Protein backbone atom coordinates (compact mmCIF):
# COMPACT_ATOMS: atom_id res chain seq x y z
CA MET A 1 1.03 -16.49 -7.00
CA LYS A 2 2.20 -13.09 -5.73
CA THR A 3 1.92 -12.30 -2.04
CA GLU A 4 1.85 -8.66 -1.04
CA TRP A 5 2.85 -7.50 2.43
CA GLU A 6 1.94 -3.94 3.14
CA ILE A 7 3.13 -1.80 6.03
CA LYS A 8 1.49 1.56 6.51
CA LEU A 9 3.34 4.36 8.25
CA LEU A 10 1.81 7.52 9.64
CA THR A 11 4.07 10.57 9.42
CA PRO A 12 3.58 14.12 10.59
CA GLY A 13 3.60 16.11 7.36
CA ALA A 14 5.22 14.97 4.14
CA PRO A 15 7.22 11.74 4.49
CA ASP A 16 10.97 11.81 3.92
CA SER A 17 11.72 8.64 1.93
CA GLU A 18 15.34 8.46 3.14
CA ARG A 19 14.21 8.64 6.77
CA VAL A 20 11.52 6.01 6.24
CA LEU A 21 14.07 3.66 4.62
CA ALA A 22 16.51 4.27 7.50
CA VAL A 23 13.86 3.41 10.11
CA ALA A 24 12.86 0.25 8.21
CA THR A 25 16.48 -0.84 7.80
CA ASN A 26 17.29 -0.13 11.46
CA SER A 27 14.28 -2.25 12.41
CA GLY A 28 15.87 -5.27 10.74
CA MET A 29 13.96 -5.16 7.45
CA ASN A 30 15.85 -6.00 4.28
CA ILE A 31 14.85 -3.35 1.75
CA GLU A 32 15.69 -4.16 -1.87
CA GLY A 33 14.50 -2.94 -5.22
CA VAL A 34 12.96 0.27 -3.97
CA ARG A 35 11.38 2.19 -6.81
CA ALA A 36 9.08 5.13 -7.10
CA GLY A 37 5.97 4.96 -9.20
CA LYS A 38 2.35 5.94 -9.47
CA GLN A 39 -0.52 3.77 -8.43
CA ARG A 40 -4.25 4.24 -8.08
CA ASP A 41 -6.42 2.21 -5.72
CA ILE A 42 -10.16 1.92 -6.26
CA TYR A 43 -12.21 0.36 -3.46
CA LEU A 44 -15.56 -1.19 -4.38
CA ASP A 45 -18.54 -1.79 -2.11
CA SER A 46 -22.34 -1.74 -2.16
CA ALA A 47 -24.29 1.47 -1.58
CA SER A 48 -24.96 0.28 1.98
CA TYR A 49 -21.27 -0.55 2.66
CA ASP A 50 -21.89 -4.28 3.17
CA LEU A 51 -18.24 -5.22 2.63
CA ALA A 52 -16.84 -2.51 4.91
CA ARG A 53 -19.27 -3.44 7.70
CA ALA A 54 -18.12 -7.07 7.37
CA GLY A 55 -14.47 -6.00 7.64
CA VAL A 56 -13.72 -6.85 4.01
CA ALA A 57 -12.13 -4.68 1.33
CA LEU A 58 -12.38 -5.17 -2.44
CA ARG A 59 -9.66 -3.21 -4.19
CA VAL A 60 -8.53 -2.74 -7.78
CA ARG A 61 -4.98 -1.40 -7.95
CA GLU A 62 -3.47 0.11 -11.08
CA ARG A 63 0.28 0.65 -11.30
CA GLU A 64 1.91 2.27 -14.31
CA GLY A 65 0.61 -0.10 -16.95
CA GLU A 66 -0.28 -3.00 -14.62
CA ARG A 67 -3.63 -3.90 -13.15
CA GLU A 68 -4.25 -6.24 -10.23
CA SER A 69 -7.23 -6.96 -8.03
């Protein structure tokens, strides 16, 4: 079973990947295997947003030839 940990960063303007990696490393994170790639996230819900109102998200993520949900 894969476990995904996701950290979201808010940057003013376009992010500088080297700066983001430096901040993460200086914060004590061990960053390995960094790679760039394309992904597309599709979020699914009912027309009345039942999942969102319940605080739940249903996502299908596609990454360069892979698909996970």
